[in-house]
Amino acid sequence: MASHFTFLPNPTLTLRRSHNKISLSSIQFSNARFSVSCSSSSQAYDVVIVGAGVIGLTIARHFLVSSDLSVAIVDKAVPCSGATGAGQGHLWMVNKSIGSATWDLASRSHQLWKMLAQGLQEQGLDPMVELGWKQSGSLLIGRTDADSDMLKGRVKQLCEAGLKAEYLCSRELINEEPDLLVDNDIAAAFLPDDCQLDAYRTVAYIEKTNRNFASKGRYAEFYHDPVKCFIRSDSNGEVKAVQTSKNTLYSKKAVIVAAGCWTGCLIQELFRNWGMELHVPVRPRKGHLLVLQNFNFLQLNHGLMETDYLNHPTISGSDSSEQEKNLSVSMVASIDTAGNLLLGSSREFVGFNTDLDESVVSYIWKRVGEFFPKLKTLSLSDLSASRKVRIGLRPYMPDGKPVIGPVPALSNLYLAAGHEGSGLSMALGTAEMVVEMVLGYPGKVDSAPFAVDQVGQVCEIFIPTRRSATDERFDFVHFVDVIINEKDLESMLYGIHRRQQDLAQLLYFKRKTEDTSSAKVHAGQVQNNVYTRRDKKMYDNALRPGWKS
């Protein structure tokens, strides 16, 4: 995951010097772009969360119920206007891969969802009413011999992991799903304990829980209030406030960005204001979901998903259009607690486009009809009165893992994004993980696979000092990566003459990378800020092949 994030160098920060030492704790940010005038309202909270999808809302809830911190949540729209409101609400383990980085997080999250449903029952509330909770069970359907072998192996692994799982042959499958087209080759993995939620009911319940803390001054929502920039502290460089179009929200402890597929472009734009770049490769992956309201023509006893959903094969062929070569459609079917038939699913990369594409809906209908012949007797045009289409943008990450954790060099800024189609499924586990990080508690799930950086060269920042009135030059401190800490830096620079500090840093970089060409590129940037012949000679000597200090 180290390849996810790259800081690109741009000299915009300043260092304060004291007794020939340079301290990271004394970093000052003097560029005028960091100074943002307050808007009509300035308020302070312990935690400010950017993004009011299910990830952001559940993080807020976990802070509120497990600590005494105050929380503000901000969004350019309202909850369920993005990926959260466009999904099917599955809490399934049947499609998760045992041993993968996300397995433990999904497993813990499902445990927390079930604990929440049980807690509602103990309070005399109905989880179906509050959350749209339904223990429907899930079926992963295969239609080839290879699929059958894979499903047998998956069931064995699931059972070994402590889940209740069964392998169903064609005869057993027809008893579970009479309307499913069953031939001799079809088989399924069945997890009877898998559940589903209604996203709208669940979000409404979480919002209601959060708002109970508003009267205590611990919670506030700022919807329809897009973020404009972050404000950094002059004393330590941490993010001290979130500037929106209407408010300035100061954070005493943490700022958390949970903006789904918008996280990447939002972070990139906000960091550009500081003369830095942080690349978060989360991409929008568009999906259509066909909803047939109060549909009782088809009997479904469980939620169903075909095995192709795991690999997302695209629609291909010699006469396929460019769109079709980028489009994946797999059968996923379930009935929610309101009696609506939910049919999917499609995946495609078309940027941030959320327009309805009727050809994609037709592909979904055709694909589902291959599994349920009764639907072939109906035309989509005949169902226009009861038909709705949900369209959302899943936050896709190239390695399939969400990113959860603090940003290097900005210890109070956290990311929680990139869950793609599993945001609701992993929400409570993600919320617990973020809160544990911020509060410094031991993690119940290993967060290392989701860290913003793991090892290696992640962060490269050039930090020049303000020009001295007595010396026409800049001192340069080059952070090669986040491994360099304050002690290392002070030890390296202590006692070195001021005019040699640039050279010391350049030599450190050269030794660390053993890459003269790379060092030369950085040295060229340094030389642009060096004005004395003596300094230039130092750099020329440092770049001479075979030269040693």
Protein backbone atom coordinates (compact mmCIF):
# COMPACT_ATOMS: atom_id res chain seq x y z
CA MET A 1 0.00 0.00 0.00
CA ALA A 2 3.02 2.26 0.08
CA SER A 3 2.43 3.03 -3.58
CA HIS A 4 -0.86 4.67 -2.73
CA PHE A 5 0.52 7.94 -1.51
CA THR A 6 3.22 10.24 -2.79
CA PHE A 7 4.19 13.65 -1.51
CA LEU A 8 5.66 15.75 -4.30
CA PRO A 9 8.25 18.33 -3.20
CA ASN A 10 7.46 22.01 -3.30
CA PRO A 11 9.30 24.54 -1.09
CA THR A 12 6.57 26.21 0.88
CA LEU A 13 7.32 25.66 4.56
CA THR A 14 9.68 27.35 6.99
CA LEU A 15 11.72 26.19 9.98
CA ARG A 16 12.48 28.10 13.17
CA ARG A 17 16.04 27.73 14.39
CA SER A 18 17.13 27.54 18.02
CA HIS A 19 20.69 27.06 19.37
CA ASN A 20 22.04 25.57 16.15
CA LYS A 21 19.36 22.89 16.26
CA ILE A 22 16.38 22.32 14.06
CA SER A 23 13.32 20.93 15.76
CA LEU A 24 10.39 19.39 13.92
CA SER A 25 8.16 20.64 16.68
CA SER A 26 9.04 24.22 15.78
CA ILE A 27 7.91 24.08 12.16
CA GLN A 28 6.16 27.26 11.07
CA PHE A 29 4.05 27.73 7.98
CA SER A 30 4.42 31.28 6.76
CA ASN A 31 2.91 31.10 3.28
CA ALA A 32 -0.03 33.46 3.09
CA ARG A 33 -2.16 30.81 1.40
CA PHE A 34 -2.47 29.03 4.75
CA SER A 35 -4.22 32.04 6.31
CA VAL A 36 -7.94 31.76 5.66
CA SER A 37 -10.37 34.33 6.96
CA CYS A 38 -13.14 32.95 9.12
CA SER A 39 -16.64 32.88 7.69
CA SER A 40 -19.82 33.97 9.41
CA SER A 41 -19.56 31.11 11.92
CA SER A 42 -16.55 29.71 13.79
CA GLN A 43 -17.01 26.75 16.12
CA ALA A 44 -14.70 24.29 17.83
CA TYR A 45 -15.07 20.53 18.24
CA ASP A 46 -12.77 17.73 19.30
CA VAL A 47 -13.28 15.85 16.03
CA VAL A 48 -14.35 17.14 12.61
CA ILE A 49 -15.47 14.55 10.05
CA VAL A 50 -15.66 15.33 6.34
CA GLY A 51 -18.24 13.08 4.67
CA ALA A 52 -21.68 12.05 5.89
CA GLY A 53 -21.95 8.67 4.24
CA VAL A 54 -22.29 5.58 6.35
CA ILE A 55 -18.54 5.57 7.12
CA GLY A 56 -18.50 9.16 8.39
CA LEU A 57 -21.74 8.81 10.34
CA THR A 58 -20.72 5.59 12.07
CA ILE A 59 -17.33 7.09 13.00
CA ALA A 60 -19.20 10.01 14.57
CA ARG A 61 -21.50 7.59 16.41
CA HIS A 62 -18.60 5.56 17.79
CA PHE A 63 -16.86 8.67 19.14
CA LEU A 64 -20.08 9.83 20.77
CA VAL A 65 -21.03 6.56 22.46
CA SER A 66 -17.52 5.45 23.48
CA SER A 67 -15.89 8.72 24.57
CA ASP A 68 -16.71 12.19 25.84
CA LEU A 69 -15.42 13.95 22.70
CA SER A 70 -17.50 16.39 20.66
CA VAL A 71 -18.00 15.76 16.96
CA ALA A 72 -18.96 17.84 13.92
CA ILE A 73 -19.78 16.23 10.58
CA VAL A 74 -19.78 18.16 7.31
CA ASP A 75 -20.93 17.22 3.82
CA LYS A 76 -21.57 18.97 0.52
CA ALA A 77 -24.95 17.19 0.32
CA VAL A 78 -26.90 14.96 2.73
CA PRO A 79 -26.59 11.32 3.89
CA CYS A 80 -27.55 8.59 1.39
CA SER A 81 -26.97 10.90 -1.57
CA GLY A 82 -23.89 8.92 -2.62
CA ALA A 83 -22.82 5.28 -2.63
CA THR A 84 -24.50 4.51 0.71
CA GLY A 85 -28.00 5.14 -0.60
CA ALA A 86 -27.45 3.31 -3.89
CA GLY A 87 -26.50 -0.13 -2.54
CA GLN A 88 -28.39 -3.29 -1.64
CA GLY A 89 -27.40 -3.27 2.03
CA HIS A 90 -25.81 -6.71 2.15
CA LEU A 91 -23.92 -7.81 5.25
CA TRP A 92 -22.48 -10.89 3.58
CA MET A 93 -19.42 -12.98 4.30
CA VAL A 94 -20.07 -15.45 1.49
CA ASN A 95 -18.23 -13.24 -1.00
CA LYS A 96 -15.31 -12.35 1.29
CA SER A 97 -11.96 -14.10 0.88
CA ILE A 98 -10.59 -15.76 3.99
CA GLY A 99 -7.06 -14.62 4.68
CA SER A 100 -7.42 -11.39 2.74
CA ALA A 101 -6.64 -8.04 4.35
CA THR A 102 -10.34 -7.19 4.56
CA TRP A 103 -11.52 -10.46 6.09
CA ASP A 104 -10.86 -9.56 9.73
CA LEU A 105 -12.29 -6.07 9.29
CA ALA A 106 -15.47 -7.38 7.63
CA SER A 107 -15.84 -10.13 10.23
CA ARG A 108 -15.49 -7.69 13.13
CA SER A 109 -17.87 -5.26 11.49
CA HIS A 110 -20.52 -7.94 10.99
CA GLN A 111 -20.17 -8.91 14.64
CA LEU A 112 -20.78 -5.27 15.64
CA TRP A 113 -23.84 -5.01 13.39
CA LYS A 114 -25.33 -8.12 14.98
CA MET A 115 -24.57 -6.76 18.44
CA LEU A 116 -26.38 -3.55 17.49
CA ALA A 117 -29.43 -5.48 16.28
CA GLN A 118 -29.43 -7.55 19.45
CA GLY A 119 -29.12 -4.40 21.56
CA LEU A 120 -32.17 -2.92 19.86
CA GLN A 121 -34.15 -6.05 20.67
CA GLU A 122 -33.10 -5.83 24.31
CA GLN A 123 -34.43 -2.25 24.35
CA GLY A 124 -37.78 -3.47 23.06
CA LEU A 125 -37.18 -2.11 19.55
CA ASP A 126 -37.55 -4.02 16.30
CA PRO A 127 -34.29 -4.13 14.27
CA MET A 128 -36.34 -4.64 11.10
CA VAL A 129 -38.14 -1.35 11.70
CA GLU A 130 -35.09 0.59 12.89
CA LEU A 131 -32.49 -0.78 10.48
CA GLY A 132 -34.37 -2.73 7.83
CA TRP A 133 -32.62 -5.71 9.39
CA LYS A 134 -33.23 -9.08 7.77
CA GLN A 135 -31.40 -12.36 8.31
CA SER A 136 -31.96 -13.59 4.80
CA GLY A 137 -28.95 -15.83 4.36
CA SER A 138 -26.86 -15.69 1.19
CA LEU A 139 -26.24 -17.99 -1.74
CA LEU A 140 -23.17 -17.76 -3.95
CA ILE A 141 -24.23 -19.46 -7.20
CA GLY A 142 -21.91 -21.29 -9.61
CA ARG A 143 -22.87 -22.85 -12.95
CA THR A 144 -19.78 -24.80 -14.02
CA ASP A 145 -17.71 -27.70 -12.71
CA ALA A 146 -14.91 -25.27 -11.93
CA ASP A 147 -17.33 -23.13 -9.95
CA SER A 148 -18.49 -26.18 -7.99
CA ASP A 149 -14.95 -27.08 -7.03
CA MET A 150 -14.27 -23.49 -5.95
CA LEU A 151 -17.47 -23.37 -3.88
CA LYS A 152 -16.62 -26.62 -2.09
CA GLY A 153 -13.25 -25.20 -1.13
CA ARG A 154 -14.80 -21.91 -0.01
CA VAL A 155 -17.37 -23.67 2.19
CA LYS A 156 -14.59 -25.71 3.81
CA GLN A 157 -12.61 -22.52 4.56
CA LEU A 158 -15.66 -20.70 5.91
CA CYS A 159 -16.46 -23.57 8.24
CA GLU A 160 -12.86 -23.67 9.45
CA ALA A 161 -13.14 -19.94 10.18
CA GLY A 162 -16.07 -20.63 12.48
CA LEU A 163 -18.94 -19.64 10.19
CA LYS A 164 -21.98 -21.76 9.48
CA ALA A 165 -21.69 -22.66 5.79
CA GLU A 166 -23.12 -25.38 3.55
CA TYR A 167 -22.43 -26.62 0.04
CA LEU A 168 -25.67 -27.14 -1.90
CA CYS A 169 -25.88 -29.36 -4.96
CA SER A 170 -28.51 -28.75 -7.64
CA ARG A 171 -31.15 -30.91 -5.90
CA GLU A 172 -30.70 -29.11 -2.59
CA LEU A 173 -30.60 -25.71 -4.27
CA ILE A 174 -33.96 -26.11 -5.98
CA ASN A 175 -35.54 -26.73 -2.58
CA GLU A 176 -34.12 -23.42 -1.31
CA GLU A 177 -34.97 -21.36 -4.39
CA PRO A 178 -37.82 -22.85 -6.49
CA ASP A 179 -37.79 -19.97 -9.02
CA LEU A 180 -34.08 -20.33 -9.77
CA LEU A 181 -33.11 -22.04 -13.03
CA VAL A 182 -31.35 -25.20 -11.86
CA ASP A 183 -29.52 -27.72 -14.01
CA ASN A 184 -27.13 -30.53 -13.14
CA ASP A 185 -24.05 -28.28 -13.06
CA ILE A 186 -25.39 -25.58 -10.78
CA ALA A 187 -24.31 -25.44 -7.13
CA ALA A 188 -24.03 -22.91 -4.33
CA ALA A 189 -22.30 -21.93 -1.10
CA PHE A 190 -24.97 -21.13 1.50
CA LEU A 191 -24.43 -18.97 4.57
CA PRO A 192 -27.72 -18.94 6.50
CA ASP A 193 -26.55 -16.29 9.00
CA ASP A 194 -25.74 -13.56 6.45
CA CYS A 195 -27.95 -10.50 6.79
CA GLN A 196 -28.98 -7.33 5.02
CA LEU A 197 -29.94 -3.79 6.01
CA ASP A 198 -31.89 -0.97 4.49
CA ALA A 199 -29.37 1.87 4.06
CA TYR A 200 -31.94 4.65 4.48
CA ARG A 201 -33.42 3.25 7.67
CA THR A 202 -29.98 2.48 9.08
CA VAL A 203 -28.63 5.95 8.36
CA ALA A 204 -31.78 7.51 9.85
CA TYR A 205 -31.24 5.48 13.03
CA ILE A 206 -27.54 6.45 13.26
CA GLU A 207 -28.40 10.12 12.73
CA LYS A 208 -31.04 9.89 15.46
CA THR A 209 -28.50 8.37 17.83
CA ASN A 210 -25.94 11.05 17.03
CA ARG A 211 -28.44 13.88 17.44
CA ASN A 212 -29.19 12.75 20.98
CA PHE A 213 -25.79 14.26 21.85
CA ALA A 214 -26.53 17.63 20.25
CA SER A 215 -28.32 18.96 23.32
CA LYS A 216 -25.16 18.25 25.32
CA GLY A 217 -23.10 20.34 22.91
CA ARG A 218 -21.26 17.28 21.63
CA TYR A 219 -22.65 16.91 18.10
CA ALA A 220 -23.45 19.08 15.11
CA GLU A 221 -24.23 18.48 11.43
CA PHE A 222 -23.26 20.83 8.60
CA TYR A 223 -25.00 19.56 5.48
CA HIS A 224 -25.09 21.33 2.10
CA ASP A 225 -21.84 22.96 3.21
CA PRO A 226 -18.93 21.91 0.97
CA VAL A 227 -15.38 22.00 2.26
CA LYS A 228 -13.24 24.75 0.74
CA CYS A 229 -9.87 24.17 2.41
CA PHE A 230 -8.04 23.04 5.53
CA ILE A 231 -6.33 25.52 7.83
CA ARG A 232 -2.98 24.53 9.31
CA SER A 233 -1.50 25.56 12.63
CA ASP A 234 1.42 28.00 12.59
CA SER A 235 2.95 26.25 15.59
CA ASN A 236 3.03 22.56 14.63
CA GLY A 237 1.70 22.26 11.10
CA GLU A 238 -1.28 20.10 12.06
CA VAL A 239 -4.68 20.71 10.53
CA LYS A 240 -6.43 22.95 13.00
CA ALA A 241 -9.67 23.71 11.15
CA VAL A 242 -11.90 22.81 8.23
CA GLN A 243 -13.09 25.79 6.22
CA THR A 244 -16.45 25.24 4.52
CA SER A 245 -18.48 27.60 2.39
CA LYS A 246 -20.40 28.75 5.46
CA ASN A 247 -18.37 27.85 8.55
CA THR A 248 -14.93 27.48 10.07
CA LEU A 249 -14.87 24.29 12.14
CA TYR A 250 -11.87 24.10 14.47
CA SER A 251 -10.63 20.68 15.55
CA LYS A 252 -8.94 20.09 18.88
CA LYS A 253 -7.97 16.46 18.29
CA ALA A 254 -8.57 15.04 14.81
CA VAL A 255 -9.87 15.74 11.32
CA ILE A 256 -11.16 12.67 9.51
CA VAL A 257 -11.82 12.58 5.76
CA ALA A 258 -14.41 9.93 4.88
CA ALA A 259 -15.66 11.35 1.60
CA GLY A 260 -15.91 8.13 -0.40
CA CYS A 261 -14.84 8.37 -4.03
CA TRP A 262 -14.42 12.15 -3.65
CA THR A 263 -11.65 11.66 -1.07
CA GLY A 264 -8.85 11.63 -3.63
CA CYS A 265 -9.74 14.80 -5.50
CA LEU A 266 -10.73 16.57 -2.27
CA ILE A 267 -7.40 15.81 -0.59
CA GLN A 268 -5.47 16.72 -3.73
CA GLU A 269 -7.18 20.09 -3.99
CA LEU A 270 -6.81 20.87 -0.29
CA PHE A 271 -3.12 19.93 -0.26
CA ARG A 272 -2.48 22.02 -3.35
CA ASN A 273 -3.29 25.06 -1.23
CA TRP A 274 -0.20 24.20 0.81
CA GLY A 275 2.10 23.72 -2.16
CA MET A 276 2.12 19.94 -1.54
CA GLU A 277 0.48 16.99 -3.26
CA LEU A 278 -0.94 13.86 -1.69
CA HIS A 279 -2.18 11.31 -4.18
CA VAL A 280 -4.96 9.03 -2.94
CA PRO A 281 -5.82 6.69 -5.85
CA VAL A 282 -9.48 6.17 -4.94
CA ARG A 283 -11.60 6.21 -8.11
CA PRO A 284 -15.36 6.39 -8.68
CA ARG A 285 -16.76 3.09 -9.96
CA LYS A 286 -20.29 3.63 -11.17
CA GLY A 287 -23.06 1.15 -10.45
CA HIS A 288 -26.74 0.78 -11.41
CA LEU A 289 -29.22 -1.05 -9.17
CA LEU A 290 -32.69 -1.90 -10.48
CA VAL A 291 -35.44 -1.70 -7.85
CA LEU A 292 -38.90 -3.18 -8.49
CA GLN A 293 -41.20 -1.93 -5.75
CA ASN A 294 -43.62 -4.31 -4.00
CA PHE A 295 -42.71 -7.01 -6.48
CA ASN A 296 -44.29 -10.37 -5.66
CA PHE A 297 -44.04 -12.06 -9.04
CA LEU A 298 -40.75 -13.72 -8.11
CA GLN A 299 -40.14 -15.78 -4.98
CA LEU A 300 -36.76 -15.31 -3.31
CA ASN A 301 -36.01 -16.91 0.03
CA HIS A 302 -32.42 -15.69 0.29
CA GLY A 303 -30.04 -13.19 -1.20
CA LEU A 304 -28.30 -14.52 -4.32
CA MET A 305 -25.05 -13.65 -6.06
CA GLU A 306 -23.35 -15.36 -8.98
CA THR A 307 -19.66 -16.27 -8.78
CA ASP A 308 -18.81 -13.86 -11.62
CA TYR A 309 -19.45 -11.05 -9.12
CA LEU A 310 -16.16 -11.96 -7.44
CA ASN A 311 -14.09 -11.29 -10.58
CA HIS A 312 -16.20 -8.66 -12.40
CA PRO A 313 -15.65 -9.91 -15.98
CA THR A 314 -16.47 -7.25 -18.57
CA ILE A 315 -18.92 -7.58 -21.41
CA SER A 316 -16.65 -8.53 -24.29
CA GLY A 317 -16.82 -9.73 -27.83
CA SER A 318 -15.60 -8.85 -31.30
CA ASP A 319 -18.51 -6.45 -31.80
CA SER A 320 -18.44 -4.98 -28.28
CA SER A 321 -18.44 -1.23 -27.94
CA GLU A 322 -15.84 0.61 -25.88
CA GLN A 323 -18.44 1.07 -23.15
CA GLU A 324 -19.20 -2.65 -23.09
CA LYS A 325 -15.51 -3.51 -22.79
CA ASN A 326 -15.44 -1.37 -19.65
CA LEU A 327 -18.76 -2.64 -18.25
CA SER A 328 -19.21 -5.55 -15.87
CA VAL A 329 -22.67 -6.93 -15.08
CA SER A 330 -23.26 -9.76 -12.61
CA MET A 331 -26.43 -11.20 -11.13
CA VAL A 332 -27.17 -10.12 -7.57
CA ALA A 333 -30.75 -10.41 -6.30
CA SER A 334 -32.49 -9.90 -2.98
CA ILE A 335 -35.77 -8.70 -1.49
CA ASP A 336 -35.67 -6.05 1.22
CA THR A 337 -37.95 -5.74 4.23
CA ALA A 338 -40.34 -3.49 2.28
CA GLY A 339 -40.91 -6.19 -0.33
CA ASN A 340 -38.84 -4.51 -3.04
CA LEU A 341 -36.87 -6.68 -5.45
CA LEU A 342 -33.29 -5.39 -5.74
CA LEU A 343 -31.43 -6.46 -8.88
CA GLY A 344 -27.84 -5.76 -9.87
CA SER A 345 -25.14 -5.27 -10.36
CA SER A 346 -23.06 -3.20 -12.75
CA ARG A 347 -19.54 -1.80 -12.50
CA GLU A 348 -17.84 0.66 -14.82
CA PHE A 349 -15.30 3.47 -14.78
CA VAL A 350 -16.87 6.57 -16.28
CA GLY A 351 -15.51 9.25 -13.96
CA PHE A 352 -18.03 11.01 -11.76
CA ASN A 353 -20.90 10.56 -14.21
CA THR A 354 -24.11 9.54 -12.43
CA ASP A 355 -26.52 9.75 -15.37
CA LEU A 356 -28.99 6.94 -15.91
CA ASP A 357 -27.91 4.60 -18.70
CA GLU A 358 -30.84 2.51 -19.92
CA SER A 359 -28.53 0.13 -21.79
CA VAL A 360 -26.91 -0.85 -18.49
CA VAL A 361 -30.32 -1.44 -16.91
CA SER A 362 -31.20 -3.67 -19.89
CA TYR A 363 -28.00 -5.66 -19.41
CA ILE A 364 -28.88 -6.20 -15.74
CA TRP A 365 -32.41 -7.34 -16.61
CA LYS A 366 -31.09 -9.71 -19.25
CA ARG A 367 -28.46 -11.18 -16.93
CA VAL A 368 -30.92 -11.75 -14.09
CA GLY A 369 -33.31 -13.39 -16.55
CA GLU A 370 -30.70 -16.04 -17.29
CA PHE A 371 -31.06 -17.20 -13.68
CA PHE A 372 -34.81 -16.61 -13.25
CA PRO A 373 -36.76 -17.62 -16.39
CA LYS A 374 -40.03 -16.19 -15.02
CA LEU A 375 -38.63 -12.68 -15.51
CA LYS A 376 -38.17 -13.30 -19.24
CA THR A 377 -41.94 -13.24 -19.58
CA LEU A 378 -41.94 -9.60 -18.47
CA SER A 379 -40.70 -6.52 -20.27
CA LEU A 380 -39.01 -3.66 -18.44
CA SER A 381 -41.41 -1.28 -20.17
CA ASP A 382 -44.29 -3.11 -18.50
CA LEU A 383 -42.74 -2.38 -15.09
CA SER A 384 -42.16 1.34 -15.53
CA ALA A 385 -44.73 2.27 -12.87
CA SER A 386 -43.00 0.27 -10.14
CA ARG A 387 -39.43 0.64 -11.37
CA LYS A 388 -36.68 2.74 -9.84
CA VAL A 389 -32.98 2.82 -10.57
CA ARG A 390 -30.38 3.67 -7.94
CA ILE A 391 -27.09 5.01 -9.26
CA GLY A 392 -24.01 5.40 -7.10
CA LEU A 393 -20.25 5.77 -7.29
CA ARG A 394 -18.34 3.16 -5.36
CA PRO A 395 -14.98 4.34 -3.95
CA TYR A 396 -12.64 1.91 -5.71
CA MET A 397 -9.04 1.28 -4.60
CA PRO A 398 -6.61 -0.55 -6.92
CA ASP A 399 -5.60 -3.16 -4.34
CA GLY A 400 -9.13 -3.75 -3.08
CA LYS A 401 -8.45 -2.44 0.42
CA PRO A 402 -9.81 0.71 2.04
CA VAL A 403 -7.31 3.20 3.38
CA ILE A 404 -7.73 3.85 7.10
CA GLY A 405 -5.27 5.80 9.22
CA PRO A 406 -3.31 9.01 9.76
CA VAL A 407 -1.59 10.88 6.94
CA PRO A 408 2.24 10.95 7.19
CA ALA A 409 3.58 14.21 8.65
CA LEU A 410 0.03 15.29 9.56
CA SER A 411 -0.65 13.14 12.60
CA ASN A 412 -4.10 14.58 13.35
CA LEU A 413 -5.45 14.10 9.80
CA TYR A 414 -7.00 10.68 9.13
CA LEU A 415 -8.42 9.01 6.04
CA ALA A 416 -11.20 6.42 5.98
CA ALA A 417 -12.20 5.70 2.39
CA GLY A 418 -12.01 3.23 -0.47
CA HIS A 419 -14.43 0.53 0.71
CA GLU A 420 -15.96 0.23 -2.79
CA GLY A 421 -19.12 -1.90 -2.51
CA SER A 422 -18.55 -2.85 1.14
CA GLY A 423 -19.01 0.48 2.90
CA LEU A 424 -22.13 -0.51 4.81
CA SER A 425 -20.72 -3.98 5.46
CA MET A 426 -17.44 -2.67 6.94
CA ALA A 427 -18.74 0.57 8.46
CA LEU A 428 -18.87 -0.35 12.15
CA GLY A 429 -15.49 -2.07 12.07
CA THR A 430 -13.96 0.94 10.31
CA ALA A 431 -15.52 3.31 12.85
CA GLU A 432 -14.13 1.30 15.75
CA MET A 433 -10.68 1.20 14.14
CA VAL A 434 -10.55 4.98 13.55
CA VAL A 435 -11.66 5.78 17.10
CA GLU A 436 -9.06 3.40 18.53
CA MET A 437 -6.37 5.12 16.48
CA VAL A 438 -7.36 8.63 17.53
CA LEU A 439 -7.68 7.73 21.21
CA GLY A 440 -4.56 5.59 21.25
CA TYR A 441 -6.33 2.38 22.24
CA PRO A 442 -5.13 -1.10 21.22
CA GLY A 443 -6.80 -2.19 18.01
CA LYS A 444 -9.18 -5.14 17.93
CA VAL A 445 -8.33 -5.61 14.25
CA ASP A 446 -4.86 -5.15 12.79
CA SER A 447 -4.90 -1.77 11.04
CA ALA A 448 -1.51 -2.19 9.31
CA PRO A 449 -2.92 -3.46 5.97
CA PHE A 450 -5.00 -0.31 5.66
CA ALA A 451 -2.35 2.22 6.70
CA VAL A 452 -1.72 5.28 4.56
CA ASP A 453 1.92 4.28 4.51
CA GLN A 454 3.53 1.03 5.54
CA VAL A 455 7.25 1.12 4.71
CA GLY A 456 9.62 2.75 2.27
CA GLN A 457 9.84 6.15 0.70
CA VAL A 458 6.41 7.66 1.07
CA CYS A 459 6.96 11.29 1.85
CA GLU A 460 9.31 13.75 0.23
CA ILE A 461 9.08 17.33 1.42
CA PHE A 462 11.45 20.23 0.88
CA ILE A 463 11.39 22.78 3.69
CA PRO A 464 13.41 25.99 3.08
CA THR A 465 14.07 28.55 5.79
CA ARG A 466 13.24 32.21 5.43
CA ARG A 467 16.06 34.13 3.74
CA SER A 468 18.56 35.60 6.19
CA ALA A 469 19.31 39.30 6.03
CA THR A 470 23.03 38.59 6.43
CA ASP A 471 23.35 35.63 4.09
CA GLU A 472 21.93 35.59 0.54
CA ARG A 473 20.93 31.95 0.57
CA PHE A 474 18.41 29.45 1.88
CA ASP A 475 19.07 26.59 4.23
CA PHE A 476 17.44 23.37 3.08
CA VAL A 477 16.15 20.47 5.11
CA HIS A 478 15.11 17.48 3.03
CA PHE A 479 12.89 14.83 4.56
CA VAL A 480 13.64 11.71 2.55
CA ASP A 481 10.78 9.79 4.09
CA VAL A 482 8.73 9.57 7.24
CA ILE A 483 11.30 7.34 8.92
CA ILE A 484 13.48 10.40 9.71
CA ASN A 485 12.40 11.59 13.12
CA GLU A 486 13.31 14.65 15.15
CA LYS A 487 16.13 12.94 17.03
CA ASP A 488 17.80 11.70 13.84
CA LEU A 489 17.54 15.11 12.24
CA GLU A 490 18.95 17.00 15.22
CA SER A 491 21.77 14.51 15.64
CA MET A 492 22.72 14.88 12.00
CA LEU A 493 22.69 18.68 11.98
CA TYR A 494 23.88 19.57 15.47
CA GLY A 495 27.19 21.42 15.42
CA ILE A 496 27.35 21.71 11.64
CA HIS A 497 28.11 25.19 10.36
CA ARG A 498 25.03 26.88 8.96
CA ARG A 499 26.54 27.19 5.47
CA GLN A 500 27.09 23.43 5.36
CA GLN A 501 23.63 22.26 6.36
CA ASP A 502 22.44 22.06 2.78
CA LEU A 503 25.37 19.84 1.92
CA ALA A 504 24.78 17.60 4.94
CA GLN A 505 21.21 16.99 3.87
CA LEU A 506 22.18 16.38 0.26
CA LEU A 507 24.83 13.88 1.27
CA TYR A 508 22.34 12.10 3.52
CA PHE A 509 19.92 11.80 0.64
CA LYS A 510 22.66 10.58 -1.69
CA ARG A 511 23.88 7.92 0.75
CA LYS A 512 20.33 6.75 1.52
CA THR A 513 19.22 6.31 -2.07
CA GLU A 514 22.61 5.56 -3.65
CA ASP A 515 21.11 7.20 -6.69
CA THR A 516 23.29 10.00 -8.07
CA SER A 517 20.87 10.93 -10.84
CA SER A 518 18.03 11.33 -8.35
CA ALA A 519 20.27 13.31 -6.02
CA LYS A 520 21.24 15.56 -8.90
CA VAL A 521 17.62 16.39 -9.63
CA HIS A 522 17.03 17.43 -6.04
CA ALA A 523 20.36 19.22 -5.85
CA GLY A 524 19.39 21.23 -8.90
CA GLN A 525 16.37 22.50 -7.03
CA VAL A 526 18.56 23.30 -4.06
CA GLN A 527 21.08 25.16 -6.20
CA ASN A 528 18.36 27.49 -7.43
CA ASN A 529 18.28 28.87 -3.92
CA VAL A 530 22.06 29.03 -3.34
CA TYR A 531 23.79 32.30 -4.13
CA THR A 532 27.39 31.99 -3.01
CA ARG A 533 30.20 30.43 -5.03
CA ARG A 534 31.36 28.45 -2.03
CA ASP A 535 27.97 26.76 -1.68
CA LYS A 536 27.80 25.95 -5.39
CA LYS A 537 31.25 24.37 -5.22
CA MET A 538 30.09 22.18 -2.33
CA TYR A 539 27.20 20.82 -4.38
CA ASP A 540 29.35 20.30 -7.46
CA ASN A 541 31.82 18.30 -5.39
CA ALA A 542 29.04 16.26 -3.81
CA LEU A 543 27.78 15.20 -7.23
CA ARG A 544 31.21 14.26 -8.60
CA PRO A 545 31.36 10.46 -9.18
CA GLY A 546 33.18 8.65 -6.39
CA TRP A 547 33.30 11.69 -4.13
CA LYS A 548 33.17 10.95 -0.40
CA SER A 549 32.63 13.30 2.51
